[in-house]
Amino acid sequence: MGLAGVSIADGLTVEDLLPDRRTPEDLTLHYQFGDVRVPAVLRNLTPDEVDVAARWAQGAGTWAESALGVGLPASRGDRVRRKLHRLGARQVERAAAAGVSR
């Protein structure tokens, strides 16, 4: 899409006007192929937590804003962030113990 970054008016680009048809599932699948550790971590999240994480990964702003964006209280965003950090660290430890690298 060669014209996507072309400015059309008042700081808007063609890309700003195009709909983003990706779903949270699309984004999750994209990351699953990039790093085999991701599915192991995501399996430990509730569907609501996956939605918050996917929204944050899309660049929705802060974790609180990501939670609000999926209809959850802002406090859930930081809770998801902490849980992902904890699960990620556990996954790294398990992979190291098993001798698996990225």
PDB file of N, CA and C in Angstrom:
ATOM      1  N   MET A   1       0.845  -1.172   0.000  1.00  0.00           N
ATOM      2  CA  MET A   1       0.000   0.000   0.000  1.00  0.00           C
ATOM      3  C   MET A   1       0.890   1.234   0.000  1.00  0.00           C
ATOM      4  N   GLY A   2       1.287   1.685  -1.154  1.00  0.00           N
ATOM      5  CA  GLY A   2       2.214   2.781  -1.272  1.00  0.00           C
ATOM      6  C   GLY A   2       1.672   4.131  -0.855  1.00  0.00           C
ATOM      7  N   LEU A   3       0.371   4.325  -0.880  1.00  0.00           N
ATOM      8  CA  LEU A   3      -0.215   5.623  -0.560  1.00  0.00           C
ATOM      9  C   LEU A   3      -0.622   5.764   0.907  1.00  0.00           C
ATOM     10  N   ALA A   4      -0.481   4.728   1.678  1.00  0.00           N
ATOM     11  CA  ALA A   4      -0.986   4.740   3.051  1.00  0.00           C
ATOM     12  C   ALA A   4      -0.430   5.889   3.883  1.00  0.00           C
ATOM     13  N   GLY A   5       0.831   6.244   3.703  1.00  0.00           N
ATOM     14  CA  GLY A   5       1.434   7.284   4.509  1.00  0.00           C
ATOM     15  C   GLY A   5       1.316   8.683   3.933  1.00  0.00           C
ATOM     16  N   VAL A   6       0.632   8.807   2.798  1.00  0.00           N
ATOM     17  CA  VAL A   6       0.512  10.109   2.143  1.00  0.00           C
ATOM     18  C   VAL A   6      -0.426  11.025   2.936  1.00  0.00           C
ATOM     19  N   SER A   7       0.046  12.220   3.240  1.00  0.00           N
ATOM     20  CA  SER A   7      -0.756  13.204   3.971  1.00  0.00           C
ATOM     21  C   SER A   7      -1.839  13.752   3.056  1.00  0.00           C
ATOM     22  N   ILE A   8      -3.074  13.821   3.586  1.00  0.00           N
ATOM     23  CA  ILE A   8      -4.168  14.338   2.759  1.00  0.00           C
ATOM     24  C   ILE A   8      -4.742  15.644   3.282  1.00  0.00           C
ATOM     25  N   ALA A   9      -4.723  15.845   4.589  1.00  0.00           N
ATOM     26  CA  ALA A   9      -5.236  17.105   5.147  1.00  0.00           C
ATOM     27  C   ALA A   9      -5.030  17.136   6.650  1.00  0.00           C
ATOM     28  N   ASP A  10      -4.684  18.283   7.173  1.00  0.00           N
ATOM     29  CA  ASP A  10      -4.587  18.510   8.615  1.00  0.00           C
ATOM     30  C   ASP A  10      -3.919  17.375   9.378  1.00  0.00           C
ATOM     31  N   GLY A  11      -2.820  16.863   8.865  1.00  0.00           N
ATOM     32  CA  GLY A  11      -2.094  15.804   9.549  1.00  0.00           C
ATOM     33  C   GLY A  11      -2.680  14.416   9.368  1.00  0.00           C
ATOM     34  N   LEU A  12      -3.756  14.280   8.616  1.00  0.00           N
ATOM     35  CA  LEU A  12      -4.340  12.969   8.344  1.00  0.00           C
ATOM     36  C   LEU A  12      -3.633  12.327   7.166  1.00  0.00           C
ATOM     37  N   THR A  13      -3.523  11.018   7.229  1.00  0.00           N
ATOM     38  CA  THR A  13      -2.968  10.266   6.104  1.00  0.00           C
ATOM     39  C   THR A  13      -4.051   9.358   5.549  1.00  0.00           C
ATOM     40  N   VAL A  14      -3.787   8.800   4.391  1.00  0.00           N
ATOM     41  CA  VAL A  14      -4.724   7.847   3.794  1.00  0.00           C
ATOM     42  C   VAL A  14      -4.952   6.685   4.756  1.00  0.00           C
ATOM     43  N   GLU A  15      -3.887   6.255   5.417  1.00  0.00           N
ATOM     44  CA  GLU A  15      -3.983   5.139   6.362  1.00  0.00           C
ATOM     45  C   GLU A  15      -4.964   5.426   7.499  1.00  0.00           C
ATOM     46  N   ASP A  16      -5.057   6.679   7.927  1.00  0.00           N
ATOM     47  CA  ASP A  16      -5.981   7.054   8.994  1.00  0.00           C
ATOM     48  C   ASP A  16      -7.434   6.802   8.603  1.00  0.00           C
ATOM     49  N   LEU A  17      -7.713   6.811   7.336  1.00  0.00           N
ATOM     50  CA  LEU A  17      -9.085   6.654   6.862  1.00  0.00           C
ATOM     51  C   LEU A  17      -9.456   5.205   6.554  1.00  0.00           C
ATOM     52  N   LEU A  18      -8.462   4.332   6.521  1.00  0.00           N
ATOM     53  CA  LEU A  18      -8.718   2.929   6.209  1.00  0.00           C
ATOM     54  C   LEU A  18      -9.134   2.181   7.473  1.00  0.00           C
ATOM     55  N   PRO A  19     -10.153   1.342   7.381  1.00  0.00           N
ATOM     56  CA  PRO A  19     -10.567   0.581   8.566  1.00  0.00           C
ATOM     57  C   PRO A  19      -9.536  -0.497   8.903  1.00  0.00           C
ATOM     58  N   ASP A  20      -9.342  -0.726  10.184  1.00  0.00           N
ATOM     59  CA  ASP A  20      -8.471  -1.799  10.640  1.00  0.00           C
ATOM     60  C   ASP A  20      -9.356  -3.008  10.888  1.00  0.00           C
ATOM     61  N   ARG A  21      -9.254  -3.975  10.039  1.00  0.00           N
ATOM     62  CA  ARG A  21     -10.137  -5.137  10.116  1.00  0.00           C
ATOM     63  C   ARG A  21      -9.542  -6.278  10.940  1.00  0.00           C
ATOM     64  N   ARG A  22      -8.411  -6.013  11.593  1.00  0.00           N
ATOM     65  CA  ARG A  22      -7.816  -7.053  12.433  1.00  0.00           C
ATOM     66  C   ARG A  22      -8.632  -7.206  13.713  1.00  0.00           C
ATOM     67  N   THR A  23      -8.775  -8.426  14.141  1.00  0.00           N
ATOM     68  CA  THR A  23      -9.453  -8.719  15.402  1.00  0.00           C
ATOM     69  C   THR A  23      -8.389  -9.034  16.452  1.00  0.00           C
ATOM     70  N   PRO A  24      -8.766  -9.030  17.733  1.00  0.00           N
ATOM     71  CA  PRO A  24      -7.787  -9.439  18.754  1.00  0.00           C
ATOM     72  C   PRO A  24      -7.228 -10.838  18.474  1.00  0.00           C
ATOM     73  N   GLU A  25      -8.052 -11.701  17.923  1.00  0.00           N
ATOM     74  CA  GLU A  25      -7.587 -13.050  17.602  1.00  0.00           C
ATOM     75  C   GLU A  25      -6.509 -13.012  16.527  1.00  0.00           C
ATOM     76  N   ASP A  26      -6.691 -12.149  15.513  1.00  0.00           N
ATOM     77  CA  ASP A  26      -5.677 -12.001  14.465  1.00  0.00           C
ATOM     78  C   ASP A  26      -4.350 -11.579  15.065  1.00  0.00           C
ATOM     79  N   LEU A  27      -4.395 -10.622  15.972  1.00  0.00           N
ATOM     80  CA  LEU A  27      -3.167 -10.128  16.591  1.00  0.00           C
ATOM     81  C   LEU A  27      -2.516 -11.208  17.439  1.00  0.00           C
ATOM     82  N   THR A  28      -3.325 -11.959  18.143  1.00  0.00           N
ATOM     83  CA  THR A  28      -2.795 -13.034  18.974  1.00  0.00           C
ATOM     84  C   THR A  28      -2.117 -14.080  18.108  1.00  0.00           C
ATOM     85  N   LEU A  29      -2.760 -14.463  17.010  1.00  0.00           N
ATOM     86  CA  LEU A  29      -2.169 -15.453  16.115  1.00  0.00           C
ATOM     87  C   LEU A  29      -0.855 -14.957  15.540  1.00  0.00           C
ATOM     88  N   HIS A  30      -0.802 -13.676  15.221  1.00  0.00           N
ATOM     89  CA  HIS A  30       0.430 -13.102  14.679  1.00  0.00           C
ATOM     90  C   HIS A  30       1.580 -13.303  15.666  1.00  0.00           C
ATOM     91  N   TYR A  31       1.349 -13.032  16.923  1.00  0.00           N
ATOM     92  CA  TYR A  31       2.401 -13.151  17.920  1.00  0.00           C
ATOM     93  C   TYR A  31       2.729 -14.608  18.228  1.00  0.00           C
ATOM     94  N   GLN A  32       1.762 -15.499  18.080  1.00  0.00           N
ATOM     95  CA  GLN A  32       2.029 -16.903  18.343  1.00  0.00           C
ATOM     96  C   GLN A  32       3.090 -17.442  17.396  1.00  0.00           C
ATOM     97  N   PHE A  33       3.069 -16.997  16.167  1.00  0.00           N
ATOM     98  CA  PHE A  33       4.041 -17.497  15.211  1.00  0.00           C
ATOM     99  C   PHE A  33       5.419 -16.871  15.415  1.00  0.00           C
ATOM    100  N   GLY A  34       5.473 -15.716  16.019  1.00  0.00           N
ATOM    101  CA  GLY A  34       6.737 -15.037  16.210  1.00  0.00           C
ATOM    102  C   GLY A  34       7.527 -15.539  17.406  1.00  0.00           C
ATOM    103  N   ASP A  35       6.876 -16.090  18.392  1.00  0.00           N
ATOM    104  CA  ASP A  35       7.557 -16.512  19.612  1.00  0.00           C
ATOM    105  C   ASP A  35       6.766 -17.662  20.223  1.00  0.00           C
ATOM    106  N   VAL A  36       7.366 -18.820  20.303  1.00  0.00           N
ATOM    107  CA  VAL A  36       6.658 -20.008  20.784  1.00  0.00           C
ATOM    108  C   VAL A  36       6.262 -19.915  22.247  1.00  0.00           C
ATOM    109  N   ARG A  37       6.849 -18.972  22.986  1.00  0.00           N
ATOM    110  CA  ARG A  37       6.513 -18.831  24.404  1.00  0.00           C
ATOM    111  C   ARG A  37       5.181 -18.132  24.617  1.00  0.00           C
ATOM    112  N   VAL A  38       4.758 -17.347  23.642  1.00  0.00           N
ATOM    113  CA  VAL A  38       3.543 -16.545  23.802  1.00  0.00           C
ATOM    114  C   VAL A  38       2.302 -17.409  24.038  1.00  0.00           C
ATOM    115  N   PRO A  39       2.061 -18.458  23.244  1.00  0.00           N
ATOM    116  CA  PRO A  39       0.854 -19.264  23.498  1.00  0.00           C
ATOM    117  C   PRO A  39       0.811 -19.852  24.904  1.00  0.00           C
ATOM    118  N   ALA A  40       1.974 -20.245  25.418  1.00  0.00           N
ATOM    119  CA  ALA A  40       2.023 -20.815  26.764  1.00  0.00           C
ATOM    120  C   ALA A  40       1.588 -19.800  27.807  1.00  0.00           C
ATOM    121  N   VAL A  41       1.929 -18.543  27.593  1.00  0.00           N
ATOM    122  CA  VAL A  41       1.529 -17.489  28.524  1.00  0.00           C
ATOM    123  C   VAL A  41       0.055 -17.151  28.333  1.00  0.00           C
ATOM    124  N   LEU A  42      -0.379 -16.992  27.088  1.00  0.00           N
ATOM    125  CA  LEU A  42      -1.769 -16.592  26.821  1.00  0.00           C
ATOM    126  C   LEU A  42      -2.785 -17.628  27.289  1.00  0.00           C
ATOM    127  N   ARG A  43      -2.391 -18.890  27.302  1.00  0.00           N
ATOM    128  CA  ARG A  43      -3.313 -19.940  27.772  1.00  0.00           C
ATOM    129  C   ARG A  43      -3.697 -19.752  29.236  1.00  0.00           C
ATOM    130  N   ASN A  44      -2.899 -18.997  29.967  1.00  0.00           N
ATOM    131  CA  ASN A  44      -3.160 -18.778  31.390  1.00  0.00           C
ATOM    132  C   ASN A  44      -3.974 -17.518  31.661  1.00  0.00           C
ATOM    133  N   LEU A  45      -4.439 -16.853  30.618  1.00  0.00           N
ATOM    134  CA  LEU A  45      -5.256 -15.650  30.769  1.00  0.00           C
ATOM    135  C   LEU A  45      -6.718 -15.977  30.527  1.00  0.00           C
ATOM    136  N   THR A  46      -7.581 -15.231  31.170  1.00  0.00           N
ATOM    137  CA  THR A  46      -9.009 -15.344  30.885  1.00  0.00           C
ATOM    138  C   THR A  46      -9.282 -14.638  29.556  1.00  0.00           C
ATOM    139  N   PRO A  47     -10.420 -14.891  28.929  1.00  0.00           N
ATOM    140  CA  PRO A  47     -10.740 -14.176  27.684  1.00  0.00           C
ATOM    141  C   PRO A  47     -10.717 -12.656  27.848  1.00  0.00           C
ATOM    142  N   ASP A  48     -11.214 -12.151  28.983  1.00  0.00           N
ATOM    143  CA  ASP A  48     -11.166 -10.704  29.226  1.00  0.00           C
ATOM    144  C   ASP A  48      -9.733 -10.195  29.285  1.00  0.00           C
ATOM    145  N   GLU A  49      -8.861 -10.964  29.925  1.00  0.00           N
ATOM    146  CA  GLU A  49      -7.464 -10.557  30.040  1.00  0.00           C
ATOM    147  C   GLU A  49      -6.774 -10.569  28.680  1.00  0.00           C
ATOM    148  N   VAL A  50      -7.106 -11.556  27.849  1.00  0.00           N
ATOM    149  CA  VAL A  50      -6.558 -11.600  26.486  1.00  0.00           C
ATOM    150  C   VAL A  50      -7.006 -10.363  25.716  1.00  0.00           C
ATOM    151  N   ASP A  51      -8.264  -9.972  25.880  1.00  0.00           N
ATOM    152  CA  ASP A  51      -8.774  -8.775  25.197  1.00  0.00           C
ATOM    153  C   ASP A  51      -7.999  -7.525  25.612  1.00  0.00           C
ATOM    154  N   VAL A  52      -7.738  -7.393  26.898  1.00  0.00           N
ATOM    155  CA  VAL A  52      -6.986  -6.237  27.393  1.00  0.00           C
ATOM    156  C   VAL A  52      -5.571  -6.256  26.819  1.00  0.00           C
ATOM    157  N   ALA A  53      -4.923  -7.414  26.865  1.00  0.00           N
ATOM    158  CA  ALA A  53      -3.554  -7.525  26.358  1.00  0.00           C
ATOM    159  C   ALA A  53      -3.496  -7.239  24.859  1.00  0.00           C
ATOM    160  N   ALA A  54      -4.468  -7.749  24.115  1.00  0.00           N
ATOM    161  CA  ALA A  54      -4.500  -7.508  22.666  1.00  0.00           C
ATOM    162  C   ALA A  54      -4.703  -6.033  22.370  1.00  0.00           C
ATOM    163  N   ARG A  55      -5.565  -5.403  23.127  1.00  0.00           N
ATOM    164  CA  ARG A  55      -5.812  -3.969  22.911  1.00  0.00           C
ATOM    165  C   ARG A  55      -4.558  -3.162  23.221  1.00  0.00           C
ATOM    166  N   TRP A  56      -3.867  -3.517  24.292  1.00  0.00           N
ATOM    167  CA  TRP A  56      -2.629  -2.827  24.627  1.00  0.00           C
ATOM    168  C   TRP A  56      -1.591  -3.043  23.522  1.00  0.00           C
ATOM    169  N   ALA A  57      -1.512  -4.281  23.010  1.00  0.00           N
ATOM    170  CA  ALA A  57      -0.554  -4.606  21.945  1.00  0.00           C
ATOM    171  C   ALA A  57      -0.852  -3.824  20.671  1.00  0.00           C
ATOM    172  N   GLN A  58      -2.112  -3.450  20.479  1.00  0.00           N
ATOM    173  CA  GLN A  58      -2.500  -2.667  19.304  1.00  0.00           C
ATOM    174  C   GLN A  58      -2.128  -1.205  19.463  1.00  0.00           C
ATOM    175  N   GLY A  59      -1.646  -0.823  20.632  1.00  0.00           N
ATOM    176  CA  GLY A  59      -1.260   0.559  20.859  1.00  0.00           C
ATOM    177  C   GLY A  59      -2.387   1.413  21.399  1.00  0.00           C
ATOM    178  N   ALA A  60      -3.250   0.821  22.212  1.00  0.00           N
ATOM    179  CA  ALA A  60      -4.411   1.536  22.746  1.00  0.00           C
ATOM    180  C   ALA A  60      -4.040   2.546  23.823  1.00  0.00           C
ATOM    181  N   GLY A  61      -2.788   2.620  24.182  1.00  0.00           N
ATOM    182  CA  GLY A  61      -2.370   3.553  25.237  1.00  0.00           C
ATOM    183  C   GLY A  61      -1.907   2.793  26.453  1.00  0.00           C
ATOM    184  N   THR A  62      -2.312   3.265  27.614  1.00  0.00           N
ATOM    185  CA  THR A  62      -1.897   2.628  28.871  1.00  0.00           C
ATOM    186  C   THR A  62      -2.684   1.349  29.092  1.00  0.00           C
ATOM    187  N   TRP A  63      -2.255   0.592  30.066  1.00  0.00           N
ATOM    188  CA  TRP A  63      -2.995  -0.623  30.429  1.00  0.00           C
ATOM    189  C   TRP A  63      -4.395  -0.259  30.913  1.00  0.00           C
ATOM    190  N   ALA A  64      -4.498   0.824  31.668  1.00  0.00           N
ATOM    191  CA  ALA A  64      -5.810   1.262  32.154  1.00  0.00           C
ATOM    192  C   ALA A  64      -6.723   1.611  30.981  1.00  0.00           C
ATOM    193  N   GLU A  65      -6.185   2.325  30.002  1.00  0.00           N
ATOM    194  CA  GLU A  65      -6.985   2.689  28.822  1.00  0.00           C
ATOM    195  C   GLU A  65      -7.387   1.455  28.026  1.00  0.00           C
ATOM    196  N   SER A  66      -6.504   0.469  27.988  1.00  0.00           N
ATOM    197  CA  SER A  66      -6.815  -0.779  27.281  1.00  0.00           C
ATOM    198  C   SER A  66      -7.964  -1.516  27.956  1.00  0.00           C
ATOM    199  N   ALA A  67      -7.946  -1.545  29.283  1.00  0.00           N
ATOM    200  CA  ALA A  67      -9.034  -2.195  30.018  1.00  0.00           C
ATOM    201  C   ALA A  67     -10.348  -1.452  29.789  1.00  0.00           C
ATOM    202  N   LEU A  68     -10.310  -0.141  29.888  1.00  0.00           N
ATOM    203  CA  LEU A  68     -11.520   0.655  29.651  1.00  0.00           C
ATOM    204  C   LEU A  68     -12.041   0.441  28.238  1.00  0.00           C
ATOM    205  N   GLY A  69     -11.126   0.280  27.289  1.00  0.00           N
ATOM    206  CA  GLY A  69     -11.508   0.092  25.893  1.00  0.00           C
ATOM    207  C   GLY A  69     -12.257  -1.199  25.614  1.00  0.00           C
ATOM    208  N   VAL A  70     -12.110  -2.175  26.496  1.00  0.00           N
ATOM    209  CA  VAL A  70     -12.852  -3.433  26.328  1.00  0.00           C
ATOM    210  C   VAL A  70     -13.978  -3.562  27.355  1.00  0.00           C
ATOM    211  N   GLY A  71     -14.285  -2.438  28.013  1.00  0.00           N
ATOM    212  CA  GLY A  71     -15.429  -2.423  28.929  1.00  0.00           C
ATOM    213  C   GLY A  71     -15.145  -2.918  30.335  1.00  0.00           C
ATOM    214  N   LEU A  72     -13.888  -2.914  30.727  1.00  0.00           N
ATOM    215  CA  LEU A  72     -13.523  -3.348  32.075  1.00  0.00           C
ATOM    216  C   LEU A  72     -13.047  -2.153  32.888  1.00  0.00           C
ATOM    217  N   PRO A  73     -13.048  -2.256  34.203  1.00  0.00           N
ATOM    218  CA  PRO A  73     -12.533  -1.155  35.036  1.00  0.00           C
ATOM    219  C   PRO A  73     -11.060  -0.906  34.731  1.00  0.00           C
ATOM    220  N   ALA A  74     -10.643   0.327  34.855  1.00  0.00           N
ATOM    221  CA  ALA A  74      -9.258   0.702  34.567  1.00  0.00           C
ATOM    222  C   ALA A  74      -8.267  -0.115  35.391  1.00  0.00           C
ATOM    223  N   SER A  75      -8.627  -0.436  36.620  1.00  0.00           N
ATOM    224  CA  SER A  75      -7.720  -1.183  37.506  1.00  0.00           C
ATOM    225  C   SER A  75      -7.381  -2.566  36.955  1.00  0.00           C
ATOM    226  N   ARG A  76      -8.244  -3.118  36.131  1.00  0.00           N
ATOM    227  CA  ARG A  76      -7.974  -4.441  35.546  1.00  0.00           C
ATOM    228  C   ARG A  76      -6.789  -4.397  34.594  1.00  0.00           C
ATOM    229  N   GLY A  77      -6.539  -3.245  33.982  1.00  0.00           N
ATOM    230  CA  GLY A  77      -5.413  -3.131  33.058  1.00  0.00           C
ATOM    231  C   GLY A  77      -4.094  -3.402  33.745  1.00  0.00           C
ATOM    232  N   ASP A  78      -3.863  -2.768  34.885  1.00  0.00           N
ATOM    233  CA  ASP A  78      -2.613  -2.982  35.594  1.00  0.00           C
ATOM    234  C   ASP A  78      -2.537  -4.400  36.142  1.00  0.00           C
ATOM    235  N   ARG A  79      -3.668  -4.949  36.504  1.00  0.00           N
ATOM    236  CA  ARG A  79      -3.707  -6.330  36.985  1.00  0.00           C
ATOM    237  C   ARG A  79      -3.259  -7.288  35.875  1.00  0.00           C
ATOM    238  N   VAL A  80      -3.728  -7.045  34.644  1.00  0.00           N
ATOM    239  CA  VAL A  80      -3.325  -7.874  33.503  1.00  0.00           C
ATOM    240  C   VAL A  80      -1.824  -7.696  33.241  1.00  0.00           C
ATOM    241  N   ARG A  81      -1.338  -6.470  33.309  1.00  0.00           N
ATOM    242  CA  ARG A  81       0.086  -6.207  33.095  1.00  0.00           C
ATOM    243  C   ARG A  81       0.937  -6.994  34.087  1.00  0.00           C
ATOM    244  N   ARG A  82       0.559  -6.946  35.360  1.00  0.00           N
ATOM    245  CA  ARG A  82       1.308  -7.675  36.392  1.00  0.00           C
ATOM    246  C   ARG A  82       1.242  -9.186  36.169  1.00  0.00           C
ATOM    247  N   LYS A  83       0.058  -9.666  35.797  1.00  0.00           N
ATOM    248  CA  LYS A  83      -0.098 -11.102  35.561  1.00  0.00           C
ATOM    249  C   LYS A  83       0.755 -11.554  34.379  1.00  0.00           C
ATOM    250  N   LEU A  84       0.761 -10.770  33.307  1.00  0.00           N
ATOM    251  CA  LEU A  84       1.593 -11.119  32.152  1.00  0.00           C
ATOM    252  C   LEU A  84       3.073 -11.125  32.521  1.00  0.00           C
ATOM    253  N   HIS A  85       3.475 -10.162  33.301  1.00  0.00           N
ATOM    254  CA  HIS A  85       4.873 -10.103  33.741  1.00  0.00           C
ATOM    255  C   HIS A  85       5.227 -11.359  34.540  1.00  0.00           C
ATOM    256  N   ARG A  86       4.358 -11.719  35.461  1.00  0.00           N
ATOM    257  CA  ARG A  86       4.582 -12.898  36.306  1.00  0.00           C
ATOM    258  C   ARG A  86       4.604 -14.184  35.465  1.00  0.00           C
ATOM    259  N   LEU A  87       3.624 -14.318  34.558  1.00  0.00           N
ATOM    260  CA  LEU A  87       3.561 -15.511  33.713  1.00  0.00           C
ATOM    261  C   LEU A  87       4.746 -15.585  32.752  1.00  0.00           C
ATOM    262  N   GLY A  88       5.149 -14.432  32.232  1.00  0.00           N
ATOM    263  CA  GLY A  88       6.300 -14.397  31.332  1.00  0.00           C
ATOM    264  C   GLY A  88       7.578 -14.822  32.036  1.00  0.00           C
ATOM    265  N   ALA A  89       7.764 -14.321  33.246  1.00  0.00           N
ATOM    266  CA  ALA A  89       8.946 -14.689  34.022  1.00  0.00           C
ATOM    267  C   ALA A  89       8.941 -16.186  34.325  1.00  0.00           C
ATOM    268  N   ARG A  90       7.782 -16.713  34.647  1.00  0.00           N
ATOM    269  CA  ARG A  90       7.673 -18.153  34.924  1.00  0.00           C
ATOM    270  C   ARG A  90       7.999 -18.969  33.677  1.00  0.00           C
ATOM    271  N   GLN A  91       7.527 -18.500  32.521  1.00  0.00           N
ATOM    272  CA  GLN A  91       7.798 -19.200  31.267  1.00  0.00           C
ATOM    273  C   GLN A  91       9.292 -19.188  30.940  1.00  0.00           C
ATOM    274  N   VAL A  92       9.943 -18.058  31.161  1.00  0.00           N
ATOM    275  CA  VAL A  92      11.387 -17.957  30.923  1.00  0.00           C
ATOM    276  C   VAL A  92      12.145 -18.925  31.837  1.00  0.00           C
ATOM    277  N   GLU A  93      11.729 -18.981  33.107  1.00  0.00           N
ATOM    278  CA  GLU A  93      12.375 -19.897  34.056  1.00  0.00           C
ATOM    279  C   GLU A  93      12.205 -21.349  33.621  1.00  0.00           C
ATOM    280  N   ARG A  94      10.997 -21.690  33.212  1.00  0.00           N
ATOM    281  CA  ARG A  94      10.749 -23.078  32.775  1.00  0.00           C
ATOM    282  C   ARG A  94      11.546 -23.419  31.522  1.00  0.00           C
ATOM    283  N   ALA A  95      11.601 -22.488  30.593  1.00  0.00           N
ATOM    284  CA  ALA A  95      12.360 -22.735  29.363  1.00  0.00           C
ATOM    285  C   ALA A  95      13.848 -22.895  29.673  1.00  0.00           C
ATOM    286  N   ALA A  96      14.364 -22.073  30.578  1.00  0.00           N
ATOM    287  CA  ALA A  96      15.770 -22.166  30.953  1.00  0.00           C
ATOM    288  C   ALA A  96      16.053 -23.512  31.624  1.00  0.00           C
ATOM    289  N   ALA A  97      15.147 -23.937  32.484  1.00  0.00           N
ATOM    290  CA  ALA A  97      15.321 -25.221  33.171  1.00  0.00           C
ATOM    291  C   ALA A  97      15.283 -26.390  32.189  1.00  0.00           C
ATOM    292  N   ALA A  98      14.503 -26.237  31.122  1.00  0.00           N
ATOM    293  CA  ALA A  98      14.389 -27.291  30.125  1.00  0.00           C
ATOM    294  C   ALA A  98      15.471 -27.189  29.056  1.00  0.00           C
ATOM    295  N   GLY A  99      16.256 -26.103  29.111  1.00  0.00           N
ATOM    296  CA  GLY A  99      17.306 -25.918  28.118  1.00  0.00           C
ATOM    297  C   GLY A  99      16.791 -25.444  26.772  1.00  0.00           C
ATOM    298  N   VAL A 100      15.621 -24.797  26.784  1.00  0.00           N
ATOM    299  CA  VAL A 100      15.014 -24.305  25.548  1.00  0.00           C
ATOM    300  C   VAL A 100      15.321 -22.830  25.413  1.00  0.00           C
ATOM    301  N   SER A 101      15.684 -22.421  24.216  1.00  0.00           N
ATOM    302  CA  SER A 101      15.889 -20.998  23.976  1.00  0.00           C
ATOM    303  C   SER A 101      14.906 -20.527  22.935  1.00  0.00           C
ATOM    304  N   ARG A 102      14.832 -19.254  22.772  1.00  0.00           N
ATOM    305  CA  ARG A 102      13.918 -18.639  21.830  1.00  0.00           C
ATOM    306  C   ARG A 102      14.258 -19.069  20.469  1.00  0.00           C
TER     307      ARG A 102
END
